[in-house]
Amino acid sequence: MSTPGPLDDLSALQRELRALVHDQLLLAGLELRLAAHSLLTMIAAAVCIGAMLVVVWLGLMGAAGLGLMKMGLAPALVLLVLSAVTLVLAGLLGLLIRRRSRDLGLPASLRALRPPAASDRNGEST
């Protein structure tokens, strides 16, 4: 058996580097796909929030109009309750946007591309 020479080491290093670049590009591609999906979800949720806010406005105005015209509580109360439910749904969609926005920064790719901290290079654990 012959011992591996410098050319063998260089070849192994080239294979490792190629594999590392491949993994980094794969990770970036997957994160870009996740970011695009999150962005589309956020845009769809924002459109829904806009539509719901229009409904809330119409509901509040309808409730105020009924309240003033009839001075009876039942129809206006129904419209106010429906408006409140719509507002809660819009708030939930806003929370969805906030949660999905974390994926837009490509966090795993950035962590993988950052150089290790000094404590990590010295073998210390935090």
Protein backbone atom coordinates (compact mmCIF):
# COMPACT_ATOMS: atom_id res chain seq x y z
CA MET A 1 0.00 0.00 0.00
CA SER A 2 1.28 3.42 -0.85
CA THR A 3 0.76 6.40 1.38
CA PRO A 4 -1.38 9.18 -0.01
CA GLY A 5 0.64 11.98 -1.50
CA PRO A 6 0.02 15.72 -1.73
CA LEU A 7 -1.95 15.31 -4.97
CA ASP A 8 -4.31 12.88 -3.27
CA ASP A 9 -4.80 15.35 -0.44
CA LEU A 10 -5.46 18.14 -2.92
CA SER A 11 -7.98 16.00 -4.76
CA ALA A 12 -9.77 15.15 -1.52
CA LEU A 13 -9.81 18.82 -0.59
CA GLN A 14 -11.31 19.70 -3.97
CA ARG A 15 -14.07 17.10 -3.50
CA GLU A 16 -14.83 18.42 -0.02
CA LEU A 17 -14.94 22.00 -1.27
CA ARG A 18 -17.24 21.05 -4.13
CA ALA A 19 -19.57 19.24 -1.69
CA LEU A 20 -19.55 22.23 0.65
CA VAL A 21 -20.42 24.65 -2.16
CA HIS A 22 -23.16 22.30 -3.34
CA ASP A 23 -24.66 22.12 0.16
CA GLN A 24 -24.54 25.91 0.56
CA LEU A 25 -26.25 26.46 -2.79
CA LEU A 26 -28.88 23.84 -1.97
CA LEU A 27 -29.57 25.53 1.37
CA ALA A 28 -29.82 28.94 -0.30
CA GLY A 29 -32.24 27.54 -2.89
CA LEU A 30 -34.45 25.96 -0.25
CA GLU A 31 -34.50 29.14 1.81
CA LEU A 32 -35.32 31.24 -1.23
CA ARG A 33 -38.25 28.97 -1.94
CA LEU A 34 -39.42 29.32 1.68
CA ALA A 35 -38.97 33.10 1.51
CA ALA A 36 -41.01 33.29 -1.70
CA HIS A 37 -43.77 31.17 -0.16
CA SER A 38 -43.78 33.34 2.95
CA LEU A 39 -43.93 36.51 0.88
CA LEU A 40 -46.88 35.22 -1.15
CA THR A 41 -48.66 34.20 2.07
CA MET A 42 -48.04 37.65 3.53
CA ILE A 43 -49.33 39.40 0.42
CA ALA A 44 -52.47 37.23 0.36
CA ALA A 45 -53.04 37.85 4.07
CA ALA A 46 -52.56 41.60 3.57
CA VAL A 47 -55.15 41.63 0.80
CA CYS A 48 -57.55 39.74 3.08
CA ILE A 49 -56.90 42.21 5.90
CA GLY A 50 -57.69 45.08 3.54
CA ALA A 51 -60.95 43.49 2.49
CA MET A 52 -61.87 42.72 6.09
CA LEU A 53 -61.15 46.28 7.17
CA VAL A 54 -63.51 47.52 4.48
CA VAL A 55 -66.16 45.16 5.82
CA VAL A 56 -65.49 46.40 9.37
CA TRP A 57 -65.87 49.99 8.27
CA LEU A 58 -69.13 49.21 6.48
CA GLY A 59 -70.34 47.27 9.50
CA LEU A 60 -69.53 50.08 11.89
CA MET A 61 -71.19 52.61 9.68
CA GLY A 62 -74.22 50.38 9.19
CA ALA A 63 -74.46 49.86 12.93
CA ALA A 64 -74.23 53.56 13.60
CA GLY A 65 -76.85 54.27 10.94
CA LEU A 66 -79.24 51.66 12.27
CA GLY A 67 -78.67 52.87 15.78
CA LEU A 68 -79.47 56.40 14.88
CA MET A 69 -82.46 55.56 12.68
CA LYS A 70 -84.16 53.02 14.85
CA MET A 71 -82.70 53.72 18.30
CA GLY A 72 -83.29 50.01 18.82
CA LEU A 73 -80.39 47.97 20.11
CA ALA A 74 -80.88 44.59 18.46
CA PRO A 75 -79.99 45.29 14.79
CA ALA A 76 -77.07 47.58 15.65
CA LEU A 77 -75.72 45.12 18.22
CA VAL A 78 -75.74 42.34 15.66
CA LEU A 79 -73.77 44.46 13.20
CA LEU A 80 -71.29 45.50 15.91
CA VAL A 81 -70.70 41.90 16.91
CA LEU A 82 -70.12 40.87 13.28
CA SER A 83 -67.73 43.78 12.85
CA ALA A 84 -65.84 42.77 15.98
CA VAL A 85 -65.51 39.20 14.71
CA THR A 86 -64.18 40.49 11.39
CA LEU A 87 -61.68 42.69 13.21
CA VAL A 88 -60.45 39.72 15.24
CA LEU A 89 -59.95 37.71 12.04
CA ALA A 90 -57.98 40.59 10.51
CA GLY A 91 -55.80 40.68 13.62
CA LEU A 92 -55.13 36.95 13.33
CA LEU A 93 -54.04 37.41 9.71
CA GLY A 94 -51.74 40.21 10.86
CA LEU A 95 -50.15 37.80 13.33
CA LEU A 96 -49.70 35.30 10.50
CA ILE A 97 -47.85 37.94 8.47
CA ARG A 98 -45.60 38.74 11.41
CA ARG A 99 -44.79 35.06 11.96
CA ARG A 100 -44.07 34.35 8.29
CA SER A 101 -41.89 37.46 7.92
CA ARG A 102 -39.11 35.73 9.90
CA ASP A 103 -38.45 33.44 6.93
CA LEU A 104 -37.71 36.33 4.57
CA GLY A 105 -34.25 37.00 6.03
CA LEU A 106 -32.77 33.60 5.04
CA PRO A 107 -31.61 32.92 8.63
CA ALA A 108 -30.15 29.44 8.09
CA SER A 109 -28.08 30.57 5.09
CA LEU A 110 -26.73 33.54 7.01
CA ARG A 111 -25.81 31.34 9.99
CA ALA A 112 -24.07 28.87 7.70
CA LEU A 113 -22.08 31.61 5.94
CA ARG A 114 -20.93 33.39 9.11
CA PRO A 115 -17.46 32.47 10.32
CA PRO A 116 -17.48 30.59 13.61
CA ALA A 117 -17.05 32.64 16.77
CA ALA A 118 -13.67 32.62 18.52
CA SER A 119 -15.02 30.34 21.27
CA ASP A 120 -16.17 27.82 18.63
CA ARG A 121 -12.75 27.78 16.96
CA ASN A 122 -11.02 27.07 20.27
CA GLY A 123 -13.30 24.13 21.00
CA GLU A 124 -15.04 25.89 23.87
CA SER A 125 -18.75 25.46 24.33
CA THR A 126 -21.05 28.18 25.56
